[in-house]
mmCIF file of all heavy atoms, coordinates in Angstrom:
data_MODEL
# 
_entry.id   MODEL 
# 
loop_
_atom_site.group_PDB 
_atom_site.id 
_atom_site.type_symbol 
_atom_site.label_atom_id 
_atom_site.label_alt_id 
_atom_site.label_comp_id 
_atom_site.label_asym_id 
_atom_site.label_entity_id 
_atom_site.label_seq_id 
_atom_site.pdbx_PDB_ins_code 
_atom_site.Cartn_x 
_atom_site.Cartn_y 
_atom_site.Cartn_z 
_atom_site.occupancy 
_atom_site.B_iso_or_equiv 
_atom_site.pdbx_formal_charge 
_atom_site.auth_seq_id 
_atom_site.auth_comp_id 
_atom_site.auth_asym_id 
_atom_site.auth_atom_id 
_atom_site.pdbx_PDB_model_num 
ATOM 1   N N   . ARG A 1 1  ? 14.398 16.320 -61.863 1.00 0.00 ? 1  ARG A N   1 
ATOM 2   C CA  . ARG A 1 1  ? 14.223 16.136 -60.365 1.00 0.00 ? 1  ARG A CA  1 
ATOM 3   C C   . ARG A 1 1  ? 14.020 17.470 -59.604 1.00 0.00 ? 1  ARG A C   1 
ATOM 4   O O   . ARG A 1 1  ? 13.145 17.529 -58.773 1.00 0.00 ? 1  ARG A O   1 
ATOM 5   C CB  . ARG A 1 1  ? 15.431 15.404 -59.722 1.00 0.00 ? 1  ARG A CB  1 
ATOM 6   C CG  . ARG A 1 1  ? 15.382 15.040 -58.276 1.00 0.00 ? 1  ARG A CG  1 
ATOM 7   C CD  . ARG A 1 1  ? 16.497 14.165 -57.846 1.00 0.00 ? 1  ARG A CD  1 
ATOM 8   N NE  . ARG A 1 1  ? 17.735 14.972 -57.916 1.00 0.00 ? 1  ARG A NE  1 
ATOM 9   C CZ  . ARG A 1 1  ? 18.871 14.519 -57.403 1.00 0.00 ? 1  ARG A CZ  1 
ATOM 10  N NH1 . ARG A 1 1  ? 18.983 13.276 -57.021 1.00 0.00 ? 1  ARG A NH1 1 
ATOM 11  N NH2 . ARG A 1 1  ? 19.942 15.109 -57.511 1.00 0.00 ? 1  ARG A NH2 1 
ATOM 12  N N   . ASP A 1 2  ? 14.709 18.568 -60.118 1.00 0.00 ? 2  ASP A N   1 
ATOM 13  C CA  . ASP A 1 2  ? 14.453 19.851 -59.576 1.00 0.00 ? 2  ASP A CA  1 
ATOM 14  C C   . ASP A 1 2  ? 13.169 20.378 -59.862 1.00 0.00 ? 2  ASP A C   1 
ATOM 15  O O   . ASP A 1 2  ? 12.451 20.999 -58.988 1.00 0.00 ? 2  ASP A O   1 
ATOM 16  C CB  . ASP A 1 2  ? 15.613 20.755 -60.038 1.00 0.00 ? 2  ASP A CB  1 
ATOM 17  C CG  . ASP A 1 2  ? 17.022 20.443 -59.460 1.00 0.00 ? 2  ASP A CG  1 
ATOM 18  O OD1 . ASP A 1 2  ? 17.115 19.689 -58.545 1.00 0.00 ? 2  ASP A OD1 1 
ATOM 19  O OD2 . ASP A 1 2  ? 17.961 20.822 -60.146 1.00 0.00 ? 2  ASP A OD2 1 
ATOM 20  N N   . LEU A 1 3  ? 12.653 20.215 -61.073 1.00 0.00 ? 3  LEU A N   1 
ATOM 21  C CA  . LEU A 1 3  ? 11.441 20.760 -61.475 1.00 0.00 ? 3  LEU A CA  1 
ATOM 22  C C   . LEU A 1 3  ? 10.186 19.968 -60.753 1.00 0.00 ? 3  LEU A C   1 
ATOM 23  O O   . LEU A 1 3  ? 9.269  20.621 -60.453 1.00 0.00 ? 3  LEU A O   1 
ATOM 24  C CB  . LEU A 1 3  ? 11.200 20.548 -63.064 1.00 0.00 ? 3  LEU A CB  1 
ATOM 25  C CG  . LEU A 1 3  ? 12.108 21.428 -63.917 1.00 0.00 ? 3  LEU A CG  1 
ATOM 26  C CD1 . LEU A 1 3  ? 11.916 20.956 -65.380 1.00 0.00 ? 3  LEU A CD1 1 
ATOM 27  C CD2 . LEU A 1 3  ? 11.610 22.870 -63.796 1.00 0.00 ? 3  LEU A CD2 1 
ATOM 28  N N   . GLN A 1 4  ? 10.440 18.715 -60.491 1.00 0.00 ? 4  GLN A N   1 
ATOM 29  C CA  . GLN A 1 4  ? 9.400  17.909 -59.720 1.00 0.00 ? 4  GLN A CA  1 
ATOM 30  C C   . GLN A 1 4  ? 9.173  18.642 -58.398 1.00 0.00 ? 4  GLN A C   1 
ATOM 31  O O   . GLN A 1 4  ? 8.025  18.846 -57.962 1.00 0.00 ? 4  GLN A O   1 
ATOM 32  C CB  . GLN A 1 4  ? 9.794  16.483 -59.590 1.00 0.00 ? 4  GLN A CB  1 
ATOM 33  C CG  . GLN A 1 4  ? 8.739  15.647 -58.954 1.00 0.00 ? 4  GLN A CG  1 
ATOM 34  C CD  . GLN A 1 4  ? 9.029  14.198 -58.922 1.00 0.00 ? 4  GLN A CD  1 
ATOM 35  O OE1 . GLN A 1 4  ? 10.170 13.853 -58.792 1.00 0.00 ? 4  GLN A OE1 1 
ATOM 36  N NE2 . GLN A 1 4  ? 8.042  13.452 -59.041 1.00 0.00 ? 4  GLN A NE2 1 
ATOM 37  N N   . HIS A 1 5  ? 10.238 18.968 -57.725 1.00 0.00 ? 5  HIS A N   1 
ATOM 38  C CA  . HIS A 1 5  ? 10.114 19.624 -56.395 1.00 0.00 ? 5  HIS A CA  1 
ATOM 39  C C   . HIS A 1 5  ? 9.529  20.934 -56.443 1.00 0.00 ? 5  HIS A C   1 
ATOM 40  O O   . HIS A 1 5  ? 8.736  21.388 -55.711 1.00 0.00 ? 5  HIS A O   1 
ATOM 41  C CB  . HIS A 1 5  ? 11.460 19.560 -55.698 1.00 0.00 ? 5  HIS A CB  1 
ATOM 42  C CG  . HIS A 1 5  ? 12.062 18.367 -55.314 1.00 0.00 ? 5  HIS A CG  1 
ATOM 43  N ND1 . HIS A 1 5  ? 11.286 17.374 -54.668 1.00 0.00 ? 5  HIS A ND1 1 
ATOM 44  C CD2 . HIS A 1 5  ? 13.241 17.682 -55.621 1.00 0.00 ? 5  HIS A CD2 1 
ATOM 45  C CE1 . HIS A 1 5  ? 12.001 16.265 -54.513 1.00 0.00 ? 5  HIS A CE1 1 
ATOM 46  N NE2 . HIS A 1 5  ? 13.205 16.497 -55.092 1.00 0.00 ? 5  HIS A NE2 1 
ATOM 47  N N   . GLU A 1 6  ? 10.010 21.769 -57.532 1.00 0.00 ? 6  GLU A N   1 
ATOM 48  C CA  . GLU A 1 6  ? 9.612  23.162 -57.692 1.00 0.00 ? 6  GLU A CA  1 
ATOM 49  C C   . GLU A 1 6  ? 8.049  23.195 -58.021 1.00 0.00 ? 6  GLU A C   1 
ATOM 50  O O   . GLU A 1 6  ? 7.290  24.058 -57.481 1.00 0.00 ? 6  GLU A O   1 
ATOM 51  C CB  . GLU A 1 6  ? 10.289 23.831 -58.761 1.00 0.00 ? 6  GLU A CB  1 
ATOM 52  C CG  . GLU A 1 6  ? 9.988  25.316 -59.025 1.00 0.00 ? 6  GLU A CG  1 
ATOM 53  C CD  . GLU A 1 6  ? 10.769 25.998 -60.012 1.00 0.00 ? 6  GLU A CD  1 
ATOM 54  O OE1 . GLU A 1 6  ? 11.802 25.331 -60.556 1.00 0.00 ? 6  GLU A OE1 1 
ATOM 55  O OE2 . GLU A 1 6  ? 10.541 27.184 -60.322 1.00 0.00 ? 6  GLU A OE2 1 
ATOM 56  N N   . PHE A 1 7  ? 7.484  22.352 -58.860 1.00 0.00 ? 7  PHE A N   1 
ATOM 57  C CA  . PHE A 1 7  ? 6.251  22.478 -59.385 1.00 0.00 ? 7  PHE A CA  1 
ATOM 58  C C   . PHE A 1 7  ? 5.322  21.445 -58.790 1.00 0.00 ? 7  PHE A C   1 
ATOM 59  O O   . PHE A 1 7  ? 4.182  21.300 -59.295 1.00 0.00 ? 7  PHE A O   1 
ATOM 60  C CB  . PHE A 1 7  ? 6.324  22.437 -60.956 1.00 0.00 ? 7  PHE A CB  1 
ATOM 61  C CG  . PHE A 1 7  ? 6.850  23.595 -61.554 1.00 0.00 ? 7  PHE A CG  1 
ATOM 62  C CD1 . PHE A 1 7  ? 8.113  23.510 -62.135 1.00 0.00 ? 7  PHE A CD1 1 
ATOM 63  C CD2 . PHE A 1 7  ? 6.324  24.806 -61.540 1.00 0.00 ? 7  PHE A CD2 1 
ATOM 64  C CE1 . PHE A 1 7  ? 8.692  24.547 -62.781 1.00 0.00 ? 7  PHE A CE1 1 
ATOM 65  C CE2 . PHE A 1 7  ? 6.882  26.026 -62.158 1.00 0.00 ? 7  PHE A CE2 1 
ATOM 66  C CZ  . PHE A 1 7  ? 8.055  25.845 -62.783 1.00 0.00 ? 7  PHE A CZ  1 
ATOM 67  N N   . HIS A 1 8  ? 5.834  20.618 -57.802 1.00 0.00 ? 8  HIS A N   1 
ATOM 68  C CA  . HIS A 1 8  ? 4.997  19.453 -57.359 1.00 0.00 ? 8  HIS A CA  1 
ATOM 69  C C   . HIS A 1 8  ? 4.439  18.554 -58.291 1.00 0.00 ? 8  HIS A C   1 
ATOM 70  O O   . HIS A 1 8  ? 3.240  18.253 -58.350 1.00 0.00 ? 8  HIS A O   1 
ATOM 71  C CB  . HIS A 1 8  ? 3.899  20.095 -56.392 1.00 0.00 ? 8  HIS A CB  1 
ATOM 72  C CG  . HIS A 1 8  ? 4.361  21.114 -55.485 1.00 0.00 ? 8  HIS A CG  1 
ATOM 73  N ND1 . HIS A 1 8  ? 5.094  20.818 -54.386 1.00 0.00 ? 8  HIS A ND1 1 
ATOM 74  C CD2 . HIS A 1 8  ? 4.223  22.409 -55.462 1.00 0.00 ? 8  HIS A CD2 1 
ATOM 75  C CE1 . HIS A 1 8  ? 5.464  21.873 -53.716 1.00 0.00 ? 8  HIS A CE1 1 
ATOM 76  N NE2 . HIS A 1 8  ? 4.902  22.859 -54.301 1.00 0.00 ? 8  HIS A NE2 1 
ATOM 77  N N   . LEU A 1 9  ? 5.231  18.109 -59.216 1.00 0.00 ? 9  LEU A N   1 
ATOM 78  C CA  . LEU A 1 9  ? 4.870  17.283 -60.426 1.00 0.00 ? 9  LEU A CA  1 
ATOM 79  C C   . LEU A 1 9  ? 4.890  15.749 -59.948 1.00 0.00 ? 9  LEU A C   1 
ATOM 80  O O   . LEU A 1 9  ? 5.557  15.379 -59.102 1.00 0.00 ? 9  LEU A O   1 
ATOM 81  C CB  . LEU A 1 9  ? 5.770  17.518 -61.594 1.00 0.00 ? 9  LEU A CB  1 
ATOM 82  C CG  . LEU A 1 9  ? 5.792  18.888 -62.181 1.00 0.00 ? 9  LEU A CG  1 
ATOM 83  C CD1 . LEU A 1 9  ? 7.086  19.007 -63.023 1.00 0.00 ? 9  LEU A CD1 1 
ATOM 84  C CD2 . LEU A 1 9  ? 4.574  19.041 -63.042 1.00 0.00 ? 9  LEU A CD2 1 
ATOM 85  N N   . THR A 1 10 ? 4.011  15.126 -60.762 1.00 0.00 ? 10 THR A N   1 
ATOM 86  C CA  . THR A 1 10 ? 4.036  13.632 -60.737 1.00 0.00 ? 10 THR A CA  1 
ATOM 87  C C   . THR A 1 10 ? 4.515  13.224 -61.971 1.00 0.00 ? 10 THR A C   1 
ATOM 88  O O   . THR A 1 10 ? 4.144  13.725 -63.090 1.00 0.00 ? 10 THR A O   1 
ATOM 89  C CB  . THR A 1 10 ? 2.542  13.048 -60.476 1.00 0.00 ? 10 THR A CB  1 
ATOM 90  O OG1 . THR A 1 10 ? 2.068  13.662 -59.275 1.00 0.00 ? 10 THR A OG1 1 
ATOM 91  C CG2 . THR A 1 10 ? 2.580  11.572 -60.436 1.00 0.00 ? 10 THR A CG2 1 
ATOM 92  N N   . TYR A 1 11 ? 5.435  12.073 -61.972 1.00 0.00 ? 11 TYR A N   1 
ATOM 93  C CA  . TYR A 1 11 ? 6.040  11.630 -63.159 1.00 0.00 ? 11 TYR A CA  1 
ATOM 94  C C   . TYR A 1 11 ? 5.732  10.204 -63.442 1.00 0.00 ? 11 TYR A C   1 
ATOM 95  O O   . TYR A 1 11 ? 5.716  9.317  -62.514 1.00 0.00 ? 11 TYR A O   1 
ATOM 96  C CB  . TYR A 1 11 ? 7.586  11.688 -63.039 1.00 0.00 ? 11 TYR A CB  1 
ATOM 97  C CG  . TYR A 1 11 ? 8.330  13.129 -63.038 1.00 0.00 ? 11 TYR A CG  1 
ATOM 98  C CD1 . TYR A 1 11 ? 9.538  13.300 -62.696 1.00 0.00 ? 11 TYR A CD1 1 
ATOM 99  C CD2 . TYR A 1 11 ? 7.419  14.150 -63.666 1.00 0.00 ? 11 TYR A CD2 1 
ATOM 100 C CE1 . TYR A 1 11 ? 10.061 14.466 -62.770 1.00 0.00 ? 11 TYR A CE1 1 
ATOM 101 C CE2 . TYR A 1 11 ? 8.140  15.387 -63.784 1.00 0.00 ? 11 TYR A CE2 1 
ATOM 102 C CZ  . TYR A 1 11 ? 9.500  15.582 -63.309 1.00 0.00 ? 11 TYR A CZ  1 
ATOM 103 O OH  . TYR A 1 11 ? 9.858  16.812 -63.271 1.00 0.00 ? 11 TYR A OH  1 
ATOM 104 N N   . LEU A 1 12 ? 5.480  9.734  -64.732 1.00 0.00 ? 12 LEU A N   1 
ATOM 105 C CA  . LEU A 1 12 ? 5.623  8.475  -65.151 1.00 0.00 ? 12 LEU A CA  1 
ATOM 106 C C   . LEU A 1 12 ? 6.901  8.483  -66.025 1.00 0.00 ? 12 LEU A C   1 
ATOM 107 O O   . LEU A 1 12 ? 6.933  9.182  -67.075 1.00 0.00 ? 12 LEU A O   1 
ATOM 108 C CB  . LEU A 1 12 ? 4.510  7.980  -66.013 1.00 0.00 ? 12 LEU A CB  1 
ATOM 109 C CG  . LEU A 1 12 ? 4.655  6.613  -66.800 1.00 0.00 ? 12 LEU A CG  1 
ATOM 110 C CD1 . LEU A 1 12 ? 4.924  5.522  -65.703 1.00 0.00 ? 12 LEU A CD1 1 
ATOM 111 C CD2 . LEU A 1 12 ? 3.561  6.287  -67.641 1.00 0.00 ? 12 LEU A CD2 1 
ATOM 112 N N   . PHE A 1 13 ? 7.964  7.861  -65.575 1.00 0.00 ? 13 PHE A N   1 
ATOM 113 C CA  . PHE A 1 13 ? 9.293  7.957  -66.201 1.00 0.00 ? 13 PHE A CA  1 
ATOM 114 C C   . PHE A 1 13 ? 9.590  6.584  -66.843 1.00 0.00 ? 13 PHE A C   1 
ATOM 115 O O   . PHE A 1 13 ? 9.785  5.656  -66.125 1.00 0.00 ? 13 PHE A O   1 
ATOM 116 C CB  . PHE A 1 13 ? 10.351 8.337  -65.145 1.00 0.00 ? 13 PHE A CB  1 
ATOM 117 C CG  . PHE A 1 13 ? 11.763 8.513  -65.679 1.00 0.00 ? 13 PHE A CG  1 
ATOM 118 C CD1 . PHE A 1 13 ? 12.068 9.558  -66.477 1.00 0.00 ? 13 PHE A CD1 1 
ATOM 119 C CD2 . PHE A 1 13 ? 12.804 7.553  -65.433 1.00 0.00 ? 13 PHE A CD2 1 
ATOM 120 C CE1 . PHE A 1 13 ? 13.352 9.700  -67.073 1.00 0.00 ? 13 PHE A CE1 1 
ATOM 121 C CE2 . PHE A 1 13 ? 13.961 7.667  -65.835 1.00 0.00 ? 13 PHE A CE2 1 
ATOM 122 C CZ  . PHE A 1 13 ? 14.354 8.733  -66.758 1.00 0.00 ? 13 PHE A CZ  1 
ATOM 123 N N   . ILE A 1 14 ? 9.643  6.721  -68.142 1.00 0.00 ? 14 ILE A N   1 
ATOM 124 C CA  . ILE A 1 14 ? 9.967  5.394  -68.870 1.00 0.00 ? 14 ILE A CA  1 
ATOM 125 C C   . ILE A 1 14 ? 11.339 5.303  -69.393 1.00 0.00 ? 14 ILE A C   1 
ATOM 126 O O   . ILE A 1 14 ? 11.875 6.255  -69.865 1.00 0.00 ? 14 ILE A O   1 
ATOM 127 C CB  . ILE A 1 14 ? 8.991  5.412  -70.031 1.00 0.00 ? 14 ILE A CB  1 
ATOM 128 C CG1 . ILE A 1 14 ? 7.476  5.334  -69.582 1.00 0.00 ? 14 ILE A CG1 1 
ATOM 129 C CG2 . ILE A 1 14 ? 9.358  4.097  -70.993 1.00 0.00 ? 14 ILE A CG2 1 
ATOM 130 C CD1 . ILE A 1 14 ? 6.531  5.480  -70.669 1.00 0.00 ? 14 ILE A CD1 1 
ATOM 131 N N   . SER A 1 15 ? 12.003 4.165  -69.156 1.00 0.00 ? 15 SER A N   1 
ATOM 132 C CA  . SER A 1 15 ? 13.439 4.048  -69.610 1.00 0.00 ? 15 SER A CA  1 
ATOM 133 C C   . SER A 1 15 ? 13.781 2.484  -69.702 1.00 0.00 ? 15 SER A C   1 
ATOM 134 O O   . SER A 1 15 ? 13.010 1.641  -69.053 1.00 0.00 ? 15 SER A O   1 
ATOM 135 C CB  . SER A 1 15 ? 14.362 4.730  -68.564 1.00 0.00 ? 15 SER A CB  1 
ATOM 136 O OG  . SER A 1 15 ? 15.659 4.497  -68.940 1.00 0.00 ? 15 SER A OG  1 
ATOM 137 N N   . HIS A 1 16 ? 14.755 2.170  -70.429 1.00 0.00 ? 16 HIS A N   1 
ATOM 138 C CA  . HIS A 1 16 ? 15.223 0.923  -70.555 1.00 0.00 ? 16 HIS A CA  1 
ATOM 139 C C   . HIS A 1 16 ? 16.376 0.682  -69.573 1.00 0.00 ? 16 HIS A C   1 
ATOM 140 O O   . HIS A 1 16 ? 16.930 -0.410 -69.402 1.00 0.00 ? 16 HIS A O   1 
ATOM 141 C CB  . HIS A 1 16 ? 15.865 0.604  -71.905 1.00 0.00 ? 16 HIS A CB  1 
ATOM 142 C CG  . HIS A 1 16 ? 16.863 1.485  -72.306 1.00 0.00 ? 16 HIS A CG  1 
ATOM 143 N ND1 . HIS A 1 16 ? 16.807 2.671  -72.908 1.00 0.00 ? 16 HIS A ND1 1 
ATOM 144 C CD2 . HIS A 1 16 ? 18.226 1.295  -72.152 1.00 0.00 ? 16 HIS A CD2 1 
ATOM 145 C CE1 . HIS A 1 16 ? 17.976 3.278  -73.137 1.00 0.00 ? 16 HIS A CE1 1 
ATOM 146 N NE2 . HIS A 1 16 ? 18.832 2.521  -72.680 1.00 0.00 ? 16 HIS A NE2 1 
ATOM 147 N N   . SER A 1 17 ? 16.788 1.783  -68.779 1.00 0.00 ? 17 SER A N   1 
ATOM 148 C CA  . SER A 1 17 ? 17.869 1.678  -67.896 1.00 0.00 ? 17 SER A CA  1 
ATOM 149 C C   . SER A 1 17 ? 17.459 1.656  -66.449 1.00 0.00 ? 17 SER A C   1 
ATOM 150 O O   . SER A 1 17 ? 16.939 2.692  -66.090 1.00 0.00 ? 17 SER A O   1 
ATOM 151 C CB  . SER A 1 17 ? 18.824 3.003  -68.189 1.00 0.00 ? 17 SER A CB  1 
ATOM 152 O OG  . SER A 1 17 ? 19.775 3.128  -67.080 1.00 0.00 ? 17 SER A OG  1 
ATOM 153 N N   . MET A 1 18 ? 17.733 0.550  -65.786 1.00 0.00 ? 18 MET A N   1 
ATOM 154 C CA  . MET A 1 18 ? 17.300 0.410  -64.362 1.00 0.00 ? 18 MET A CA  1 
ATOM 155 C C   . MET A 1 18 ? 17.962 1.435  -63.425 1.00 0.00 ? 18 MET A C   1 
ATOM 156 O O   . MET A 1 18 ? 17.370 2.066  -62.641 1.00 0.00 ? 18 MET A O   1 
ATOM 157 C CB  . MET A 1 18 ? 17.435 -1.014 -63.893 1.00 0.00 ? 18 MET A CB  1 
ATOM 158 C CG  . MET A 1 18 ? 17.129 -1.207 -62.487 1.00 0.00 ? 18 MET A CG  1 
ATOM 159 S SD  . MET A 1 18 ? 15.437 -0.834 -62.047 1.00 0.00 ? 18 MET A SD  1 
ATOM 160 C CE  . MET A 1 18 ? 14.806 -2.580 -62.337 1.00 0.00 ? 18 MET A CE  1 
ATOM 161 N N   . PRO A 1 19 ? 19.381 1.694  -63.689 1.00 0.00 ? 19 PRO A N   1 
ATOM 162 C CA  . PRO A 1 19 ? 20.048 2.610  -62.811 1.00 0.00 ? 19 PRO A CA  1 
ATOM 163 C C   . PRO A 1 19 ? 19.512 4.031  -62.965 1.00 0.00 ? 19 PRO A C   1 
ATOM 164 O O   . PRO A 1 19 ? 19.403 4.770  -62.038 1.00 0.00 ? 19 PRO A O   1 
ATOM 165 C CB  . PRO A 1 19 ? 21.466 2.472  -63.228 1.00 0.00 ? 19 PRO A CB  1 
ATOM 166 C CG  . PRO A 1 19 ? 21.570 1.103  -63.835 1.00 0.00 ? 19 PRO A CG  1 
ATOM 167 C CD  . PRO A 1 19 ? 20.337 0.806  -64.415 1.00 0.00 ? 19 PRO A CD  1 
ATOM 168 N N   . LEU A 1 20 ? 19.078 4.425  -64.219 1.00 0.00 ? 20 LEU A N   1 
ATOM 169 C CA  . LEU A 1 20 ? 18.613 5.698  -64.478 1.00 0.00 ? 20 LEU A CA  1 
ATOM 170 C C   . LEU A 1 20 ? 17.194 5.831  -63.720 1.00 0.00 ? 20 LEU A C   1 
ATOM 171 O O   . LEU A 1 20 ? 16.949 6.800  -63.108 1.00 0.00 ? 20 LEU A O   1 
ATOM 172 C CB  . LEU A 1 20 ? 18.360 5.971  -65.919 1.00 0.00 ? 20 LEU A CB  1 
ATOM 173 C CG  . LEU A 1 20 ? 18.094 7.296  -66.412 1.00 0.00 ? 20 LEU A CG  1 
ATOM 174 C CD1 . LEU A 1 20 ? 19.156 8.337  -65.969 1.00 0.00 ? 20 LEU A CD1 1 
ATOM 175 C CD2 . LEU A 1 20 ? 17.977 7.376  -67.984 1.00 0.00 ? 20 LEU A CD2 1 
ATOM 176 N N   . VAL A 1 21 ? 16.436 4.834  -63.862 1.00 0.00 ? 21 VAL A N   1 
ATOM 177 C CA  . VAL A 1 21 ? 15.105 4.761  -63.203 1.00 0.00 ? 21 VAL A CA  1 
ATOM 178 C C   . VAL A 1 21 ? 15.231 4.813  -61.665 1.00 0.00 ? 21 VAL A C   1 
ATOM 179 O O   . VAL A 1 21 ? 14.541 5.564  -60.987 1.00 0.00 ? 21 VAL A O   1 
ATOM 180 C CB  . VAL A 1 21 ? 14.299 3.459  -63.618 1.00 0.00 ? 21 VAL A CB  1 
ATOM 181 C CG1 . VAL A 1 21 ? 13.106 3.209  -62.721 1.00 0.00 ? 21 VAL A CG1 1 
ATOM 182 C CG2 . VAL A 1 21 ? 13.834 3.679  -65.072 1.00 0.00 ? 21 VAL A CG2 1 
ATOM 183 N N   . ARG A 1 22 ? 16.223 4.121  -61.181 1.00 0.00 ? 22 ARG A N   1 
ATOM 184 C CA  . ARG A 1 22 ? 16.427 4.031  -59.738 1.00 0.00 ? 22 ARG A CA  1 
ATOM 185 C C   . ARG A 1 22 ? 16.857 5.464  -59.178 1.00 0.00 ? 22 ARG A C   1 
ATOM 186 O O   . ARG A 1 22 ? 16.414 5.798  -58.119 1.00 0.00 ? 22 ARG A O   1 
ATOM 187 C CB  . ARG A 1 22 ? 17.559 3.136  -59.518 1.00 0.00 ? 22 ARG A CB  1 
ATOM 188 C CG  . ARG A 1 22 ? 18.025 2.969  -57.973 1.00 0.00 ? 22 ARG A CG  1 
ATOM 189 C CD  . ARG A 1 22 ? 19.141 1.984  -57.826 1.00 0.00 ? 22 ARG A CD  1 
ATOM 190 N NE  . ARG A 1 22 ? 19.608 1.846  -56.482 1.00 0.00 ? 22 ARG A NE  1 
ATOM 191 C CZ  . ARG A 1 22 ? 20.586 0.996  -56.080 1.00 0.00 ? 22 ARG A CZ  1 
ATOM 192 N NH1 . ARG A 1 22 ? 21.198 0.331  -56.919 1.00 0.00 ? 22 ARG A NH1 1 
ATOM 193 N NH2 . ARG A 1 22 ? 20.906 1.090  -54.750 1.00 0.00 ? 22 ARG A NH2 1 
ATOM 194 N N   . TYR A 1 23 ? 17.575 6.173  -60.009 1.00 0.00 ? 23 TYR A N   1 
ATOM 195 C CA  . TYR A 1 23 ? 17.967 7.492  -59.522 1.00 0.00 ? 23 TYR A CA  1 
ATOM 196 C C   . TYR A 1 23 ? 16.840 8.485  -59.470 1.00 0.00 ? 23 TYR A C   1 
ATOM 197 O O   . TYR A 1 23 ? 16.905 9.430  -58.480 1.00 0.00 ? 23 TYR A O   1 
ATOM 198 C CB  . TYR A 1 23 ? 19.132 8.073  -60.596 1.00 0.00 ? 23 TYR A CB  1 
ATOM 199 C CG  . TYR A 1 23 ? 19.631 9.418  -60.325 1.00 0.00 ? 23 TYR A CG  1 
ATOM 200 C CD1 . TYR A 1 23 ? 20.592 9.564  -59.308 1.00 0.00 ? 23 TYR A CD1 1 
ATOM 201 C CD2 . TYR A 1 23 ? 19.195 10.490 -60.957 1.00 0.00 ? 23 TYR A CD2 1 
ATOM 202 C CE1 . TYR A 1 23 ? 21.134 10.820 -58.986 1.00 0.00 ? 23 TYR A CE1 1 
ATOM 203 C CE2 . TYR A 1 23 ? 19.702 11.795 -60.746 1.00 0.00 ? 23 TYR A CE2 1 
ATOM 204 C CZ  . TYR A 1 23 ? 20.707 11.940 -59.796 1.00 0.00 ? 23 TYR A CZ  1 
ATOM 205 O OH  . TYR A 1 23 ? 21.239 13.193 -59.492 1.00 0.00 ? 23 TYR A OH  1 
ATOM 206 N N   . LEU A 1 24 ? 15.839 8.403  -60.276 1.00 0.00 ? 24 LEU A N   1 
ATOM 207 C CA  . LEU A 1 24 ? 14.795 9.367  -60.320 1.00 0.00 ? 24 LEU A CA  1 
ATOM 208 C C   . LEU A 1 24 ? 13.518 8.979  -59.662 1.00 0.00 ? 24 LEU A C   1 
ATOM 209 O O   . LEU A 1 24 ? 12.691 9.768  -59.227 1.00 0.00 ? 24 LEU A O   1 
ATOM 210 C CB  . LEU A 1 24 ? 14.432 9.816  -61.687 1.00 0.00 ? 24 LEU A CB  1 
ATOM 211 C CG  . LEU A 1 24 ? 13.538 11.027 -61.963 1.00 0.00 ? 24 LEU A CG  1 
ATOM 212 C CD1 . LEU A 1 24 ? 14.304 12.259 -61.381 1.00 0.00 ? 24 LEU A CD1 1 
ATOM 213 C CD2 . LEU A 1 24 ? 13.337 11.254 -63.420 1.00 0.00 ? 24 LEU A CD2 1 
# 
């Protein structure tokens, strides 16, 4: 999350965990 703000990144974040996905 910090790196996304620092480097203006776009993410495709893949997970089986909905709460984890919700957080990011």
